[in-house]
């Protein structure tokens, strides 16, 4: 039984009790029953509107997905434009001939791919840091390049 049916049932009960609607109590019960009926109708209308809005939002979400697909295509996790990328399999992500290393951003957990030449430059700095392309947070790195190449 939905809210509109419940309000109608209560109004029917009141009418079945044959209350005197001219007495103070009868007026009160009639006003309460009318209020319940109005509230139930309003809630039913709101439910219908929310259902319509939900359908519309789902359509927008699908359309946005299509637009994102058209704009961004199928980018790999490392962000390179190589359609055949296997996410840093030594010949993507502009890695040099020695390959690259995968780091994980401690802030967002996204993988970051850095070629060994760039990592060597970073390691030679006084404070070796990397900026995550996903969340733009900078964090310190400490990697032994020779151990990682093996």
Protein backbone atom coordinates (compact mmCIF):
# COMPACT_ATOMS: atom_id res chain seq x y z
CA UNK A 1 0.00 0.00 0.00
CA UNK A 2 1.52 3.33 -1.05
CA UNK A 3 1.18 6.65 0.75
CA UNK A 4 -1.77 7.85 -1.36
CA UNK A 5 -3.69 4.64 -0.69
CA UNK A 6 -2.96 4.90 3.04
CA UNK A 7 -4.26 8.47 3.17
CA UNK A 8 -7.42 7.40 1.30
CA UNK A 9 -7.86 4.48 3.73
CA UNK A 10 -7.64 6.81 6.75
CA UNK A 11 -10.15 9.19 5.16
CA UNK A 12 -12.48 6.23 4.48
CA UNK A 13 -12.15 5.08 8.09
CA UNK A 14 -13.10 8.53 9.30
CA UNK A 15 -16.13 8.68 7.00
CA UNK A 16 -17.11 5.13 8.02
CA UNK A 17 -17.10 6.16 11.67
CA UNK A 18 -19.75 8.74 10.79
CA UNK A 19 -18.09 11.41 12.86
CA UNK A 20 -19.99 14.63 13.27
CA UNK A 21 -17.97 17.03 11.12
CA UNK A 22 -19.67 19.93 12.87
CA UNK A 23 -18.20 19.05 16.28
CA UNK A 24 -14.73 20.26 17.26
CA UNK A 25 -13.28 16.72 17.15
CA UNK A 26 -14.96 15.99 13.80
CA UNK A 27 -13.56 19.18 12.27
CA UNK A 28 -10.10 18.26 13.55
CA UNK A 29 -10.23 14.73 12.11
CA UNK A 30 -11.55 16.00 8.77
CA UNK A 31 -8.78 18.62 8.56
CA UNK A 32 -6.14 15.97 9.40
CA UNK A 33 -7.53 13.58 6.75
CA UNK A 34 -7.56 16.37 4.14
CA UNK A 35 -4.00 17.33 5.06
CA UNK A 36 -2.82 13.71 4.75
CA UNK A 37 -4.48 13.47 1.34
CA UNK A 38 -2.76 16.68 0.14
CA UNK A 39 0.61 15.56 1.49
CA UNK A 40 0.30 12.13 -0.12
CA UNK A 41 -0.56 13.69 -3.48
CA UNK A 42 2.42 16.04 -3.24
CA UNK A 43 4.77 13.17 -2.35
CA UNK A 44 3.44 11.11 -5.27
CA UNK A 45 4.04 14.05 -7.63
CA UNK A 46 7.58 14.48 -6.27
CA UNK A 47 8.27 10.76 -6.76
CA UNK A 48 7.21 11.05 -10.39
CA UNK A 49 9.40 14.13 -10.92
CA UNK A 50 12.43 12.45 -9.29
CA UNK A 51 11.98 9.39 -11.51
CA UNK A 52 11.91 11.66 -14.57
CA UNK A 53 15.00 13.52 -13.40
CA UNK A 54 16.83 10.24 -12.77
CA UNK A 55 16.10 9.10 -16.32
CA UNK A 56 17.33 12.43 -17.67
CA UNK A 57 20.54 12.27 -15.60
CA UNK A 58 21.22 8.73 -16.86
CA UNK A 59 20.81 9.94 -20.44
CA UNK A 60 23.18 12.85 -19.77
CA UNK A 61 25.70 10.47 -18.22
CA UNK A 62 25.60 8.24 -21.29
CA UNK A 63 25.96 11.25 -23.59
CA UNK A 64 28.87 12.57 -21.52
CA UNK A 65 30.54 9.17 -21.75
CA UNK A 66 30.26 9.34 -25.53
CA UNK A 67 31.72 12.86 -25.58
CA UNK A 68 34.60 11.79 -23.31
CA UNK A 69 35.28 8.83 -25.58
CA UNK A 70 35.33 11.14 -28.62
CA UNK A 71 37.59 13.67 -26.91
CA UNK A 72 40.00 11.43 -25.07
CA UNK A 73 39.82 8.15 -26.93
CA UNK A 74 41.36 5.11 -25.31
CA UNK A 75 44.28 6.49 -23.33
CA UNK A 76 46.36 4.02 -21.44
CA UNK A 77 46.95 4.33 -17.69
CA UNK A 78 50.27 6.07 -18.17
CA UNK A 79 48.68 8.89 -20.16
CA UNK A 80 50.62 8.43 -23.38
CA UNK A 81 48.96 8.70 -26.79
CA UNK A 82 50.25 5.35 -28.04
CA UNK A 83 47.21 3.21 -28.96
CA UNK A 84 49.29 0.03 -28.78
CA UNK A 85 50.74 0.86 -25.39
CA UNK A 86 51.04 -1.92 -22.84
CA UNK A 87 51.57 0.64 -20.09
CA UNK A 88 55.26 1.08 -20.05
CA UNK A 89 56.59 -1.98 -21.82
CA UNK A 90 59.87 -0.18 -22.62
CA UNK A 91 58.62 1.28 -25.92
CA UNK A 92 55.92 3.67 -24.77
CA UNK A 93 55.75 6.78 -22.62
CA UNK A 94 58.75 8.33 -24.39
CA UNK A 95 61.07 6.05 -22.42
CA UNK A 96 64.63 5.94 -23.60
CA UNK A 97 66.22 2.79 -24.96
CA UNK A 98 66.94 1.51 -21.45
CA UNK A 99 63.23 1.53 -20.52
CA UNK A 100 61.52 3.16 -17.60
CA UNK A 101 60.47 2.64 -14.03
CA UNK A 102 56.98 2.63 -12.59
CA UNK A 103 56.35 4.53 -9.38
CA UNK A 104 53.14 4.78 -7.41
CA UNK A 105 51.94 8.15 -6.20
CA UNK A 106 51.64 7.96 -2.41
CA UNK A 107 48.81 10.52 -2.53
CA UNK A 108 46.40 9.11 -5.15
CA UNK A 109 47.90 5.67 -5.88
CA UNK A 110 48.12 6.25 -9.64
CA UNK A 111 51.14 4.81 -11.49
CA UNK A 112 53.82 7.23 -12.69
CA UNK A 113 56.24 6.17 -15.44
CA UNK A 114 59.67 7.76 -15.62
CA UNK A 115 62.44 6.79 -18.01
CA UNK A 116 65.83 5.97 -16.51
CA UNK A 117 67.55 9.02 -17.99
CA UNK A 118 65.03 11.35 -16.35
CA UNK A 119 65.15 9.34 -13.11
CA UNK A 120 68.94 9.66 -13.11
CA UNK A 121 68.60 13.45 -13.40
CA UNK A 122 66.05 13.50 -10.58
CA UNK A 123 68.26 11.31 -8.36
CA UNK A 124 71.22 13.68 -8.80
CA UNK A 125 69.26 16.61 -7.34
CA UNK A 126 69.71 17.55 -3.71
CA UNK A 127 66.03 16.86 -3.08
CA UNK A 128 64.87 14.24 -5.63
CA UNK A 129 61.15 14.83 -6.19
CA UNK A 130 58.53 13.83 -8.74
CA UNK A 131 55.20 15.50 -9.46
CA UNK A 132 52.25 13.19 -10.04
CA UNK A 133 50.47 14.03 -13.32
CA UNK A 134 47.14 12.83 -11.90
CA UNK A 135 46.89 14.76 -8.63
CA UNK A 136 49.77 17.28 -9.08
CA UNK A 137 51.25 16.40 -5.68
CA UNK A 138 55.01 16.42 -5.40
CA UNK A 139 56.74 13.66 -3.46
CA UNK A 140 60.30 12.60 -2.75
CA UNK A 141 61.73 9.55 -4.51
CA UNK A 142 64.63 7.36 -3.59
CA UNK A 143 65.41 4.56 -6.05
CA UNK A 144 68.62 2.76 -6.75
CA UNK A 145 68.58 2.89 -10.54
CA UNK A 146 70.98 -0.04 -11.04
CA UNK A 147 68.90 -2.34 -8.81
CA UNK A 148 65.69 -1.33 -10.55
CA UNK A 149 67.08 -2.03 -14.05
CA UNK A 150 67.71 -5.63 -13.10
